[in-house]
Amino acid sequence: MMQPLSPKKQRLLDWLEDRIYTQHCVPSYEEMAEAMGYRSKNTVRVQLNDLRDLGYITWPEGSARSIQICCPRLGRVPILGAIAAGGLVETFVNEGVENYIDVTSLPYFAHRSRQQIAQHFALKVQGDSMIGAAIADGDVVILRQEFDPQAVKSGQIVAARVETQTTLKYFCQEGEQIILRPANPNYSPISVSAESLVIEGVYVGLVRGLL
């Protein structure tokens, strides 16, 4: 198992990986120093040597501009429990990671860094209230943590919490009221006040047949 990185080294590794992945070339020491806010290129050199010694990156001898990421995109998202696709029920279990999903093959995660992937989690769906959105009982949904409630848009599917109860529904704002709409006519919408609602996550995709 690789040794955990300090925040300073992790920040450089994440930035470097994103830059190589999107630009298809290794940035110069000057570009790395500017991006990281380092005063000296020597600081970059020291950090890169440390990352190489720890096994995170490598390069051919004498050619540091040919850096390769040894363990690119550790794309694992934790499954934190279950959520109801029905009415409001007691909050999903979140007492520890039950399992992980490898998301490296999913298009949504193709250009995302370790740090961005780490902002996601997964839940097992129990119920069929979102069947019209192609989310079935037994699916594992992947959600992005949303730290800014104002960023959630009407029409997005969310894991919503009201006090100690949660559900997976469409988020629809109507004035001061929030309507949690199902995607199945057999279920009724749930109306709650904006103040009583917490968005646990925003739906980004699912995996079927995993569990």
N, C-alpha and C. Protein backbone atom coordinates (compact mmCIF):
# COMPACT_ATOMS: atom_id res chain seq x y z
N MET A 1 0.85 -1.19 0.00
CA MET A 1 0.00 0.00 0.00
C MET A 1 0.89 1.24 0.00
N MET A 2 0.53 2.22 -0.81
CA MET A 2 1.31 3.44 -0.89
C MET A 2 1.15 4.30 0.35
N GLN A 3 2.23 4.99 0.69
CA GLN A 3 2.19 5.90 1.83
C GLN A 3 1.30 7.10 1.51
N PRO A 4 0.41 7.49 2.42
CA PRO A 4 -0.44 8.67 2.19
C PRO A 4 0.42 9.91 1.97
N LEU A 5 -0.09 10.82 1.15
CA LEU A 5 0.64 12.04 0.82
C LEU A 5 0.23 13.20 1.71
N SER A 6 1.15 14.11 1.92
CA SER A 6 0.83 15.37 2.60
C SER A 6 -0.09 16.18 1.69
N PRO A 7 -0.87 17.10 2.24
CA PRO A 7 -1.75 17.93 1.39
C PRO A 7 -0.98 18.65 0.28
N LYS A 8 0.23 19.09 0.56
CA LYS A 8 1.03 19.80 -0.44
C LYS A 8 1.40 18.89 -1.61
N LYS A 9 1.82 17.68 -1.30
CA LYS A 9 2.17 16.73 -2.36
C LYS A 9 0.94 16.25 -3.11
N GLN A 10 -0.17 16.01 -2.38
CA GLN A 10 -1.39 15.56 -3.02
C GLN A 10 -1.92 16.60 -4.00
N ARG A 11 -1.82 17.87 -3.61
CA ARG A 11 -2.27 18.97 -4.47
C ARG A 11 -1.46 19.02 -5.76
N LEU A 12 -0.16 18.86 -5.66
CA LEU A 12 0.68 18.87 -6.85
C LEU A 12 0.38 17.66 -7.72
N LEU A 13 0.24 16.48 -7.11
CA LEU A 13 -0.05 15.27 -7.88
C LEU A 13 -1.37 15.39 -8.61
N ASP A 14 -2.42 15.87 -7.93
CA ASP A 14 -3.73 16.02 -8.57
C ASP A 14 -3.66 17.00 -9.73
N TRP A 15 -2.99 18.14 -9.50
CA TRP A 15 -2.89 19.15 -10.57
C TRP A 15 -2.10 18.61 -11.74
N LEU A 16 -1.00 17.91 -11.45
CA LEU A 16 -0.16 17.36 -12.50
C LEU A 16 -0.91 16.32 -13.32
N GLU A 17 -1.65 15.46 -12.64
CA GLU A 17 -2.41 14.44 -13.35
C GLU A 17 -3.47 15.07 -14.25
N ASP A 18 -4.19 16.06 -13.74
CA ASP A 18 -5.20 16.74 -14.55
C ASP A 18 -4.57 17.41 -15.76
N ARG A 19 -3.43 18.07 -15.54
CA ARG A 19 -2.76 18.79 -16.63
C ARG A 19 -2.28 17.82 -17.72
N ILE A 20 -1.66 16.73 -17.32
CA ILE A 20 -1.20 15.75 -18.30
C ILE A 20 -2.37 15.14 -19.05
N TYR A 21 -3.46 14.88 -18.33
CA TYR A 21 -4.62 14.23 -18.93
C TYR A 21 -5.33 15.14 -19.93
N THR A 22 -5.44 16.42 -19.59
CA THR A 22 -6.20 17.34 -20.46
C THR A 22 -5.35 17.96 -21.56
N GLN A 23 -4.05 18.22 -21.26
CA GLN A 23 -3.17 18.88 -22.23
C GLN A 23 -2.29 17.89 -23.00
N HIS A 24 -2.24 16.65 -22.52
CA HIS A 24 -1.45 15.59 -23.17
C HIS A 24 0.03 15.94 -23.25
N CYS A 25 0.51 16.69 -22.27
CA CYS A 25 1.94 16.99 -22.19
C CYS A 25 2.27 17.33 -20.75
N VAL A 26 3.53 17.16 -20.41
CA VAL A 26 3.98 17.45 -19.04
C VAL A 26 4.34 18.93 -18.94
N PRO A 27 3.80 19.65 -17.96
CA PRO A 27 4.12 21.07 -17.82
C PRO A 27 5.56 21.28 -17.40
N SER A 28 6.06 22.47 -17.63
CA SER A 28 7.42 22.82 -17.23
C SER A 28 7.48 23.07 -15.73
N TYR A 29 8.70 23.10 -15.19
CA TYR A 29 8.88 23.43 -13.79
C TYR A 29 8.32 24.82 -13.48
N GLU A 30 8.50 25.74 -14.44
CA GLU A 30 7.98 27.10 -14.23
C GLU A 30 6.46 27.09 -14.11
N GLU A 31 5.78 26.30 -14.95
CA GLU A 31 4.32 26.22 -14.90
C GLU A 31 3.85 25.57 -13.60
N MET A 32 4.56 24.54 -13.17
CA MET A 32 4.19 23.89 -11.91
C MET A 32 4.37 24.83 -10.73
N ALA A 33 5.50 25.55 -10.72
CA ALA A 33 5.77 26.48 -9.62
C ALA A 33 4.71 27.57 -9.57
N GLU A 34 4.32 28.09 -10.74
CA GLU A 34 3.30 29.15 -10.78
C GLU A 34 1.95 28.62 -10.31
N ALA A 35 1.57 27.43 -10.78
CA ALA A 35 0.27 26.86 -10.41
C ALA A 35 0.19 26.55 -8.93
N MET A 36 1.30 26.12 -8.33
CA MET A 36 1.32 25.75 -6.92
C MET A 36 1.63 26.92 -6.00
N GLY A 37 2.04 28.06 -6.59
CA GLY A 37 2.38 29.21 -5.77
C GLY A 37 3.74 29.09 -5.12
N TYR A 38 4.64 28.28 -5.73
CA TYR A 38 5.99 28.13 -5.19
C TYR A 38 6.85 29.29 -5.69
N ARG A 39 7.77 29.72 -4.88
CA ARG A 39 8.68 30.80 -5.26
C ARG A 39 9.85 30.29 -6.10
N SER A 40 10.14 29.02 -5.97
CA SER A 40 11.33 28.48 -6.62
C SER A 40 11.02 27.19 -7.37
N LYS A 41 11.69 27.02 -8.52
CA LYS A 41 11.56 25.77 -9.26
C LYS A 41 12.17 24.62 -8.48
N ASN A 42 13.10 24.93 -7.59
CA ASN A 42 13.73 23.89 -6.80
C ASN A 42 12.72 23.20 -5.89
N THR A 43 11.71 23.96 -5.42
CA THR A 43 10.65 23.36 -4.59
C THR A 43 9.89 22.32 -5.41
N VAL A 44 9.63 22.64 -6.67
CA VAL A 44 8.97 21.68 -7.56
C VAL A 44 9.83 20.44 -7.70
N ARG A 45 11.13 20.64 -7.92
CA ARG A 45 12.04 19.52 -8.10
C ARG A 45 12.04 18.60 -6.87
N VAL A 46 12.06 19.20 -5.71
CA VAL A 46 12.05 18.41 -4.47
C VAL A 46 10.76 17.62 -4.34
N GLN A 47 9.63 18.27 -4.61
CA GLN A 47 8.33 17.60 -4.50
C GLN A 47 8.20 16.46 -5.50
N LEU A 48 8.67 16.67 -6.72
CA LEU A 48 8.61 15.63 -7.74
C LEU A 48 9.49 14.44 -7.37
N ASN A 49 10.68 14.72 -6.85
CA ASN A 49 11.56 13.64 -6.42
C ASN A 49 10.92 12.82 -5.30
N ASP A 50 10.25 13.54 -4.38
CA ASP A 50 9.56 12.84 -3.29
C ASP A 50 8.45 11.95 -3.83
N LEU A 51 7.67 12.48 -4.78
CA LEU A 51 6.57 11.71 -5.37
C LEU A 51 7.10 10.49 -6.12
N ARG A 52 8.26 10.65 -6.76
CA ARG A 52 8.86 9.50 -7.44
C ARG A 52 9.35 8.46 -6.42
N ASP A 53 10.00 8.93 -5.37
CA ASP A 53 10.50 8.01 -4.35
C ASP A 53 9.37 7.24 -3.68
N LEU A 54 8.19 7.88 -3.56
CA LEU A 54 7.04 7.25 -2.92
C LEU A 54 6.26 6.35 -3.88
N GLY A 55 6.65 6.37 -5.16
CA GLY A 55 6.02 5.49 -6.14
C GLY A 55 4.81 6.04 -6.86
N TYR A 56 4.55 7.34 -6.73
CA TYR A 56 3.36 7.92 -7.36
C TYR A 56 3.61 8.34 -8.81
N ILE A 57 4.83 8.71 -9.12
CA ILE A 57 5.18 9.11 -10.48
C ILE A 57 6.52 8.50 -10.84
N THR A 58 6.84 8.54 -12.13
CA THR A 58 8.14 8.09 -12.60
C THR A 58 8.48 8.83 -13.87
N TRP A 59 9.76 8.78 -14.26
CA TRP A 59 10.17 9.35 -15.54
C TRP A 59 11.51 8.71 -15.93
N PRO A 60 11.79 8.63 -17.24
CA PRO A 60 13.08 8.09 -17.70
C PRO A 60 14.22 8.93 -17.16
N GLU A 61 15.31 8.31 -16.87
CA GLU A 61 16.46 9.01 -16.31
C GLU A 61 16.87 10.18 -17.21
N GLY A 62 16.98 11.37 -16.58
CA GLY A 62 17.41 12.55 -17.30
C GLY A 62 16.32 13.21 -18.12
N SER A 63 15.07 12.79 -17.95
CA SER A 63 13.98 13.37 -18.76
C SER A 63 12.74 13.58 -17.90
N ALA A 64 12.82 14.56 -16.99
CA ALA A 64 11.70 14.83 -16.08
C ALA A 64 10.48 15.38 -16.80
N ARG A 65 10.66 15.84 -18.04
CA ARG A 65 9.49 16.32 -18.81
C ARG A 65 8.70 15.15 -19.41
N SER A 66 9.09 13.93 -19.06
CA SER A 66 8.36 12.73 -19.51
C SER A 66 7.72 12.02 -18.32
N ILE A 67 7.23 12.79 -17.36
CA ILE A 67 6.62 12.23 -16.15
C ILE A 67 5.42 11.36 -16.51
N GLN A 68 5.34 10.23 -15.83
CA GLN A 68 4.18 9.35 -15.96
C GLN A 68 3.58 9.13 -14.58
N ILE A 69 2.25 9.13 -14.51
CA ILE A 69 1.54 8.87 -13.26
C ILE A 69 1.46 7.36 -13.07
N CYS A 70 1.99 6.87 -11.97
CA CYS A 70 2.05 5.41 -11.76
C CYS A 70 0.68 4.80 -11.44
N CYS A 71 -0.13 5.49 -10.66
CA CYS A 71 -1.45 4.98 -10.28
C CYS A 71 -2.50 6.02 -10.61
N PRO A 72 -2.80 6.19 -11.91
CA PRO A 72 -3.72 7.26 -12.29
C PRO A 72 -5.14 7.01 -11.83
N ARG A 73 -5.76 8.08 -11.37
CA ARG A 73 -7.20 8.10 -11.09
C ARG A 73 -7.66 6.89 -10.30
N LEU A 74 -7.40 6.94 -9.02
CA LEU A 74 -7.87 5.87 -8.15
C LEU A 74 -9.38 6.01 -8.02
N GLY A 75 -10.09 5.56 -9.05
CA GLY A 75 -11.52 5.85 -9.20
C GLY A 75 -12.42 4.92 -8.46
N ARG A 76 -12.41 4.99 -7.15
CA ARG A 76 -13.31 4.16 -6.34
C ARG A 76 -14.24 5.07 -5.57
N VAL A 77 -15.53 4.74 -5.65
CA VAL A 77 -16.56 5.49 -4.93
C VAL A 77 -17.16 4.57 -3.87
N PRO A 78 -17.25 5.02 -2.62
CA PRO A 78 -17.76 4.15 -1.56
C PRO A 78 -19.27 4.00 -1.59
N ILE A 79 -19.76 2.79 -1.30
CA ILE A 79 -21.18 2.56 -1.10
C ILE A 79 -21.45 2.73 0.38
N LEU A 80 -22.29 3.71 0.72
CA LEU A 80 -22.48 4.09 2.12
C LEU A 80 -23.77 3.55 2.75
N GLY A 81 -24.52 2.76 2.00
CA GLY A 81 -25.75 2.22 2.57
C GLY A 81 -26.85 2.20 1.52
N ALA A 82 -28.10 2.38 1.96
CA ALA A 82 -29.25 2.30 1.06
C ALA A 82 -30.11 3.54 1.19
N ILE A 83 -30.89 3.81 0.14
CA ILE A 83 -31.84 4.92 0.16
C ILE A 83 -33.14 4.45 -0.46
N ALA A 84 -34.25 4.94 0.05
CA ALA A 84 -35.56 4.52 -0.44
C ALA A 84 -35.96 5.31 -1.67
N ALA A 85 -36.44 4.60 -2.66
CA ALA A 85 -37.11 5.24 -3.79
C ALA A 85 -38.59 4.97 -3.60
N GLY A 86 -39.14 5.65 -2.60
CA GLY A 86 -40.54 5.52 -2.24
C GLY A 86 -40.92 6.76 -1.46
N GLY A 87 -41.50 6.58 -0.29
CA GLY A 87 -41.79 7.72 0.56
C GLY A 87 -40.58 8.05 1.42
N LEU A 88 -40.73 9.02 2.31
CA LEU A 88 -39.67 9.34 3.25
C LEU A 88 -39.55 8.21 4.26
N VAL A 89 -38.32 7.72 4.44
CA VAL A 89 -38.08 6.67 5.42
C VAL A 89 -36.87 7.07 6.25
N GLU A 90 -36.60 6.31 7.28
CA GLU A 90 -35.45 6.64 8.12
C GLU A 90 -34.18 6.73 7.30
N THR A 91 -33.33 7.66 7.68
CA THR A 91 -32.15 8.00 6.90
C THR A 91 -31.30 6.78 6.57
N PHE A 92 -30.64 6.85 5.41
CA PHE A 92 -29.84 5.73 4.95
C PHE A 92 -28.72 5.44 5.94
N VAL A 93 -28.35 4.17 6.03
CA VAL A 93 -27.28 3.75 6.93
C VAL A 93 -25.97 4.34 6.43
N ASN A 94 -25.21 4.93 7.31
CA ASN A 94 -23.94 5.51 6.94
C ASN A 94 -22.95 5.31 8.09
N GLU A 95 -22.78 4.07 8.46
CA GLU A 95 -21.93 3.75 9.60
C GLU A 95 -20.56 3.25 9.14
N GLY A 96 -20.26 3.42 7.87
CA GLY A 96 -18.99 2.96 7.33
C GLY A 96 -19.17 2.48 5.91
N VAL A 97 -18.06 2.31 5.22
CA VAL A 97 -18.09 1.89 3.83
C VAL A 97 -18.42 0.41 3.74
N GLU A 98 -19.45 0.08 2.98
CA GLU A 98 -19.83 -1.32 2.79
C GLU A 98 -19.02 -1.96 1.67
N ASN A 99 -18.73 -1.17 0.64
CA ASN A 99 -18.05 -1.68 -0.54
C ASN A 99 -17.64 -0.48 -1.38
N TYR A 100 -16.99 -0.74 -2.49
CA TYR A 100 -16.59 0.32 -3.39
C TYR A 100 -17.03 -0.01 -4.81
N ILE A 101 -17.25 1.05 -5.61
CA ILE A 101 -17.50 0.89 -7.04
C ILE A 101 -16.30 1.47 -7.78
N ASP A 102 -15.78 0.73 -8.74
CA ASP A 102 -14.74 1.25 -9.62
C ASP A 102 -15.44 2.03 -10.72
N VAL A 103 -15.22 3.35 -10.76
CA VAL A 103 -15.94 4.20 -11.70
C VAL A 103 -15.07 4.67 -12.87
N THR A 104 -13.87 4.11 -13.00
CA THR A 104 -12.94 4.58 -14.02
C THR A 104 -13.47 4.38 -15.43
N SER A 105 -14.39 3.43 -15.64
CA SER A 105 -14.90 3.17 -16.99
C SER A 105 -16.16 3.97 -17.30
N LEU A 106 -16.69 4.71 -16.31
CA LEU A 106 -17.92 5.48 -16.54
C LEU A 106 -17.57 6.82 -17.18
N PRO A 107 -18.25 7.19 -18.29
CA PRO A 107 -17.92 8.43 -19.00
C PRO A 107 -17.94 9.67 -18.12
N TYR A 108 -18.85 9.74 -17.17
CA TYR A 108 -18.96 10.93 -16.31
C TYR A 108 -17.66 11.21 -15.58
N PHE A 109 -16.90 10.17 -15.25
CA PHE A 109 -15.69 10.34 -14.45
C PHE A 109 -14.41 10.41 -15.30
N ALA A 110 -14.57 10.42 -16.61
CA ALA A 110 -13.41 10.30 -17.49
C ALA A 110 -12.37 11.39 -17.28
N HIS A 111 -12.79 12.60 -17.02
CA HIS A 111 -11.85 13.72 -16.90
C HIS A 111 -11.78 14.27 -15.48
N ARG A 112 -12.11 13.46 -14.51
CA ARG A 112 -12.15 13.97 -13.15
C ARG A 112 -10.96 13.47 -12.34
N SER A 113 -10.47 14.34 -11.49
CA SER A 113 -9.29 14.04 -10.68
C SER A 113 -9.66 13.18 -9.47
N ARG A 114 -8.64 12.71 -8.75
CA ARG A 114 -8.89 11.98 -7.50
C ARG A 114 -9.75 12.81 -6.56
N GLN A 115 -9.39 14.09 -6.45
CA GLN A 115 -10.11 14.97 -5.52
C GLN A 115 -11.57 15.10 -5.92
N GLN A 116 -11.84 15.22 -7.20
CA GLN A 116 -13.23 15.33 -7.66
C GLN A 116 -13.98 14.03 -7.47
N ILE A 117 -13.34 12.91 -7.76
CA ILE A 117 -13.98 11.61 -7.56
C ILE A 117 -14.31 11.40 -6.09
N ALA A 118 -13.45 11.89 -5.23
CA ALA A 118 -13.65 11.72 -3.78
C ALA A 118 -14.88 12.46 -3.27
N GLN A 119 -15.45 13.35 -4.07
CA GLN A 119 -16.65 14.09 -3.66
C GLN A 119 -17.93 13.32 -4.00
N HIS A 120 -17.81 12.06 -4.39
CA HIS A 120 -18.96 11.25 -4.77
C HIS A 120 -19.11 10.06 -3.81
N PHE A 121 -20.33 9.55 -3.73
CA PHE A 121 -20.61 8.35 -2.96
C PHE A 121 -21.75 7.61 -3.63
N ALA A 122 -22.03 6.41 -3.18
CA ALA A 122 -23.07 5.59 -3.79
C ALA A 122 -24.01 5.03 -2.74
N LEU A 123 -25.26 4.77 -3.17
CA LEU A 123 -26.28 4.19 -2.30
C LEU A 123 -27.07 3.14 -3.06
N LYS A 124 -27.48 2.10 -2.35
CA LYS A 124 -28.34 1.08 -2.95
C LYS A 124 -29.78 1.55 -2.92
N VAL A 125 -30.47 1.39 -4.04
CA VAL A 125 -31.86 1.84 -4.15
C VAL A 125 -32.81 0.76 -3.67
N GLN A 126 -33.76 1.17 -2.83
CA GLN A 126 -34.80 0.26 -2.36
C GLN A 126 -36.15 0.87 -2.72
N GLY A 127 -36.84 0.28 -3.68
CA GLY A 127 -38.13 0.81 -4.12
C GLY A 127 -38.13 1.16 -5.59
N ASP A 128 -39.32 1.49 -6.10
CA ASP A 128 -39.48 1.72 -7.54
C ASP A 128 -40.11 3.07 -7.88
N SER A 129 -40.03 4.04 -6.99
CA SER A 129 -40.68 5.33 -7.27
C SER A 129 -39.95 6.12 -8.35
N MET A 130 -38.72 5.72 -8.71
CA MET A 130 -37.98 6.44 -9.76
C MET A 130 -37.80 5.60 -11.02
N ILE A 131 -38.70 4.63 -11.19
CA ILE A 131 -38.58 3.72 -12.32
C ILE A 131 -38.71 4.46 -13.65
N GLY A 132 -39.50 5.55 -13.67
CA GLY A 132 -39.65 6.33 -14.89
C GLY A 132 -38.38 7.07 -15.28
N ALA A 133 -37.44 7.20 -14.35
CA ALA A 133 -36.13 7.80 -14.63
C ALA A 133 -35.09 6.70 -14.85
N ALA A 134 -35.55 5.48 -15.09
CA ALA A 134 -34.69 4.33 -15.34
C ALA A 134 -33.84 3.97 -14.12
N ILE A 135 -34.36 4.27 -12.93
CA ILE A 135 -33.70 3.88 -11.69
C ILE A 135 -34.58 2.83 -11.02
N ALA A 136 -34.09 1.60 -10.97
CA ALA A 136 -34.91 0.49 -10.51
C ALA A 136 -34.48 0.02 -9.12
N ASP A 137 -35.37 -0.72 -8.49
CA ASP A 137 -35.07 -1.33 -7.20
C ASP A 137 -33.83 -2.21 -7.35
N GLY A 138 -32.86 -2.04 -6.47
CA GLY A 138 -31.64 -2.84 -6.52
C GLY A 138 -30.48 -2.17 -7.22
N ASP A 139 -30.76 -1.08 -7.95
CA ASP A 139 -29.67 -0.33 -8.59
C ASP A 139 -28.80 0.33 -7.52
N VAL A 140 -27.59 0.65 -7.90
CA VAL A 140 -26.70 1.44 -7.05
C VAL A 140 -26.52 2.79 -7.72
N VAL A 141 -27.01 3.84 -7.08
CA VAL A 141 -26.91 5.17 -7.66
C VAL A 141 -25.66 5.88 -7.14
N ILE A 142 -25.06 6.66 -8.01
CA ILE A 142 -23.87 7.43 -7.66
C ILE A 142 -24.28 8.89 -7.53
N LEU A 143 -23.87 9.52 -6.45
CA LEU A 143 -24.28 10.89 -6.17
C LEU A 143 -23.06 11.76 -5.87
N ARG A 144 -23.18 13.01 -6.26
CA ARG A 144 -22.14 13.99 -5.95
C ARG A 144 -22.55 14.78 -4.73
N GLN A 145 -21.67 14.87 -3.75
CA GLN A 145 -21.96 15.69 -2.58
C GLN A 145 -22.18 17.13 -3.03
N GLU A 146 -23.21 17.77 -2.51
CA GLU A 146 -23.50 19.15 -2.88
C GLU A 146 -23.44 20.01 -1.63
N PHE A 147 -22.39 20.84 -1.56
CA PHE A 147 -22.17 21.65 -0.37
C PHE A 147 -22.89 23.00 -0.45
N ASP A 148 -23.38 23.36 -1.63
CA ASP A 148 -24.10 24.62 -1.82
C ASP A 148 -25.53 24.32 -2.25
N PRO A 149 -26.50 24.39 -1.35
CA PRO A 149 -27.89 24.08 -1.70
C PRO A 149 -28.42 24.94 -2.84
N GLN A 150 -27.89 26.17 -2.97
CA GLN A 150 -28.35 27.06 -4.03
C GLN A 150 -27.95 26.56 -5.41
N ALA A 151 -26.98 25.65 -5.46
CA ALA A 151 -26.51 25.15 -6.74
C ALA A 151 -27.39 24.04 -7.30
N VAL A 152 -28.28 23.50 -6.47
CA VAL A 152 -29.18 22.44 -6.94
C VAL A 152 -30.28 23.05 -7.80
N LYS A 153 -30.48 22.48 -8.98
CA LYS A 153 -31.45 23.02 -9.93
C LYS A 153 -32.71 22.17 -9.97
N SER A 154 -33.82 22.84 -10.23
CA SER A 154 -35.09 22.11 -10.38
C SER A 154 -34.96 21.11 -11.52
N GLY A 155 -35.47 19.92 -11.27
CA GLY A 155 -35.40 18.86 -12.28
C GLY A 155 -34.27 17.87 -12.04
N GLN A 156 -33.34 18.20 -11.14
CA GLN A 156 -32.28 17.26 -10.82
C GLN A 156 -32.79 16.20 -9.85
N ILE A 157 -32.25 15.01 -9.95
CA ILE A 157 -32.57 13.94 -9.01
C ILE A 157 -31.62 14.03 -7.83
N VAL A 158 -32.18 14.00 -6.64
CA VAL A 158 -31.35 14.19 -5.45
C VAL A 158 -31.67 13.15 -4.38
N ALA A 159 -30.71 12.94 -3.50
CA ALA A 159 -30.96 12.24 -2.25
C ALA A 159 -31.30 13.32 -1.24
N ALA A 160 -32.57 13.40 -0.86
CA ALA A 160 -33.06 14.48 0.00
C ALA A 160 -33.32 13.96 1.41
N ARG A 161 -32.96 14.79 2.39
CA ARG A 161 -33.21 14.44 3.78
C ARG A 161 -34.09 15.49 4.43
N VAL A 162 -35.12 15.02 5.10
CA VAL A 162 -36.01 15.87 5.89
C VAL A 162 -35.96 15.35 7.32
N GLU A 163 -35.31 16.13 8.18
CA GLU A 163 -35.04 15.69 9.56
C GLU A 163 -34.27 14.38 9.53
N THR A 164 -34.87 13.27 9.96
CA THR A 164 -34.12 12.00 9.98
C THR A 164 -34.54 11.06 8.87
N GLN A 165 -35.31 11.56 7.91
CA GLN A 165 -35.82 10.70 6.84
C GLN A 165 -35.27 11.13 5.49
N THR A 166 -35.09 10.15 4.60
CA THR A 166 -34.52 10.43 3.28
C THR A 166 -35.33 9.77 2.18
N THR A 167 -35.11 10.25 0.96
CA THR A 167 -35.71 9.65 -0.21
C THR A 167 -34.97 10.11 -1.46
N LEU A 168 -35.10 9.35 -2.52
CA LEU A 168 -34.51 9.69 -3.82
C LEU A 168 -35.63 10.19 -4.72
N LYS A 169 -35.56 11.45 -5.14
CA LYS A 169 -36.65 12.06 -5.91
C LYS A 169 -36.12 13.18 -6.81
N TYR A 170 -36.98 13.62 -7.74
CA TYR A 170 -36.72 14.85 -8.48
C TYR A 170 -36.88 16.05 -7.54
N PHE A 171 -35.96 16.98 -7.62
CA PHE A 171 -36.02 18.21 -6.83
C PHE A 171 -36.70 19.29 -7.67
N CYS A 172 -37.80 19.83 -7.15
CA CYS A 172 -38.54 20.89 -7.85
C CYS A 172 -38.86 21.99 -6.85
N GLN A 173 -38.41 23.20 -7.14
CA GLN A 173 -38.66 24.33 -6.24
C GLN A 173 -39.81 25.16 -6.76
N GLU A 174 -40.77 25.42 -5.88
CA GLU A 174 -41.93 26.24 -6.20
C GLU A 174 -42.08 27.28 -5.09
N GLY A 175 -41.43 28.43 -5.28
CA GLY A 175 -41.44 29.47 -4.26
C GLY A 175 -40.67 29.01 -3.04
N GLU A 176 -41.30 29.08 -1.88
CA GLU A 176 -40.65 28.66 -0.65
C GLU A 176 -40.80 27.16 -0.39
N GLN A 177 -41.57 26.50 -1.24
CA GLN A 177 -41.80 25.07 -1.07
C GLN A 177 -40.93 24.26 -2.02
N ILE A 178 -40.53 23.10 -1.55
CA ILE A 178 -39.80 22.14 -2.38
C ILE A 178 -40.71 20.95 -2.60
N ILE A 179 -40.87 20.56 -3.84
CA ILE A 179 -41.66 19.38 -4.17
C ILE A 179 -40.68 18.27 -4.58
N LEU A 180 -40.75 17.16 -3.88
CA LEU A 180 -39.94 16.00 -4.21
C LEU A 180 -40.83 15.08 -5.04
N ARG A 181 -40.57 15.05 -6.35
CA ARG A 181 -41.46 14.35 -7.28
C ARG A 181 -40.93 12.96 -7.64
N PRO A 182 -41.79 11.97 -7.58
CA PRO A 182 -41.40 10.62 -8.01
C PRO A 182 -41.46 10.51 -9.53
N ALA A 183 -40.92 9.43 -10.06
CA ALA A 183 -41.01 9.15 -11.49
C ALA A 183 -41.83 7.87 -11.68
N ASN A 184 -42.93 7.80 -10.90
CA ASN A 184 -43.82 6.66 -10.95
C ASN A 184 -45.20 7.16 -10.48
N PRO A 185 -46.24 7.04 -11.32
CA PRO A 185 -47.56 7.57 -10.96
C PRO A 185 -48.19 6.90 -9.75
N ASN A 186 -47.65 5.79 -9.30
CA ASN A 186 -48.18 5.12 -8.13
C ASN A 186 -47.78 5.79 -6.82
N TYR A 187 -46.91 6.81 -6.91
CA TYR A 187 -46.44 7.52 -5.72
C TYR A 187 -46.82 8.99 -5.81
N SER A 188 -47.08 9.59 -4.67
CA SER A 188 -47.46 11.00 -4.62
C SER A 188 -46.24 11.88 -4.38
N PRO A 189 -46.26 13.11 -4.91
CA PRO A 189 -45.18 14.05 -4.60
C PRO A 189 -45.15 14.37 -3.11
N ILE A 190 -43.99 14.76 -2.63
CA ILE A 190 -43.81 15.13 -1.23
C ILE A 190 -43.46 16.61 -1.17
N SER A 191 -44.25 17.38 -0.44
CA SER A 191 -44.03 18.82 -0.32
C SER A 191 -43.40 19.14 1.03
N VAL A 192 -42.26 19.86 0.99
CA VAL A 192 -41.56 20.24 2.22
C VAL A 192 -41.10 21.68 2.10
N SER A 193 -40.84 22.31 3.22
CA SER A 193 -40.30 23.67 3.19
C SER A 193 -38.81 23.62 2.88
N ALA A 194 -38.30 24.67 2.25
CA ALA A 194 -36.89 24.73 1.91
C ALA A 194 -36.00 24.65 3.14
N GLU A 195 -36.48 25.23 4.26
CA GLU A 195 -35.68 25.26 5.49
C GLU A 195 -35.50 23.86 6.10
N SER A 196 -36.45 22.96 5.85
CA SER A 196 -36.40 21.64 6.48
C SER A 196 -35.67 20.60 5.62
N LEU A 197 -35.24 21.02 4.43
CA LEU A 197 -34.67 20.07 3.48
C LEU A 197 -33.14 20.16 3.45
N VAL A 198 -32.49 19.01 3.43
CA VAL A 198 -31.04 18.93 3.24
C VAL A 198 -30.78 18.04 2.04
N ILE A 199 -29.98 18.52 1.10
CA ILE A 199 -29.61 17.72 -0.05
C ILE A 199 -28.34 16.93 0.30
N GLU A 200 -28.47 15.63 0.38
CA GLU A 200 -27.31 14.79 0.69
C GLU A 200 -26.41 14.62 -0.53
N GLY A 201 -27.03 14.57 -1.71
CA GLY A 201 -26.24 14.39 -2.93
C GLY A 201 -27.09 14.56 -4.17
N VAL A 202 -26.43 14.84 -5.29
CA VAL A 202 -27.09 15.00 -6.58
C VAL A 202 -26.74 13.81 -7.46
N TYR A 203 -27.74 13.20 -8.05
CA TYR A 203 -27.57 11.98 -8.85
C TYR A 203 -26.76 12.26 -10.11
N VAL A 204 -25.77 11.39 -10.38
CA VAL A 204 -24.96 11.54 -11.59
C VAL A 204 -24.96 10.28 -12.45
N GLY A 205 -25.42 9.15 -11.91
CA GLY A 205 -25.44 7.93 -12.69
C GLY A 205 -25.71 6.72 -11.83
N LEU A 206 -25.71 5.55 -12.45
CA LEU A 206 -25.99 4.33 -11.68
C LEU A 206 -25.21 3.14 -12.23
N VAL A 207 -25.14 2.13 -11.42
CA VAL A 207 -24.57 0.84 -11.80
C VAL A 207 -25.63 -0.21 -11.53
N ARG A 208 -25.86 -1.08 -12.49
CA ARG A 208 -26.91 -2.09 -12.34
C ARG A 208 -26.29 -3.48 -12.28
N GLY A 209 -26.91 -4.33 -11.48
CA GLY A 209 -26.44 -5.71 -11.40
C GLY A 209 -25.16 -5.88 -10.62
N LEU A 210 -24.81 -4.88 -9.82
CA LEU A 210 -23.57 -4.96 -9.04
C LEU A 210 -23.75 -5.75 -7.76
N LEU A 211 -24.90 -5.55 -7.09
CA LEU A 211 -25.14 -6.20 -5.79
C LEU A 211 -26.39 -7.07 -5.86
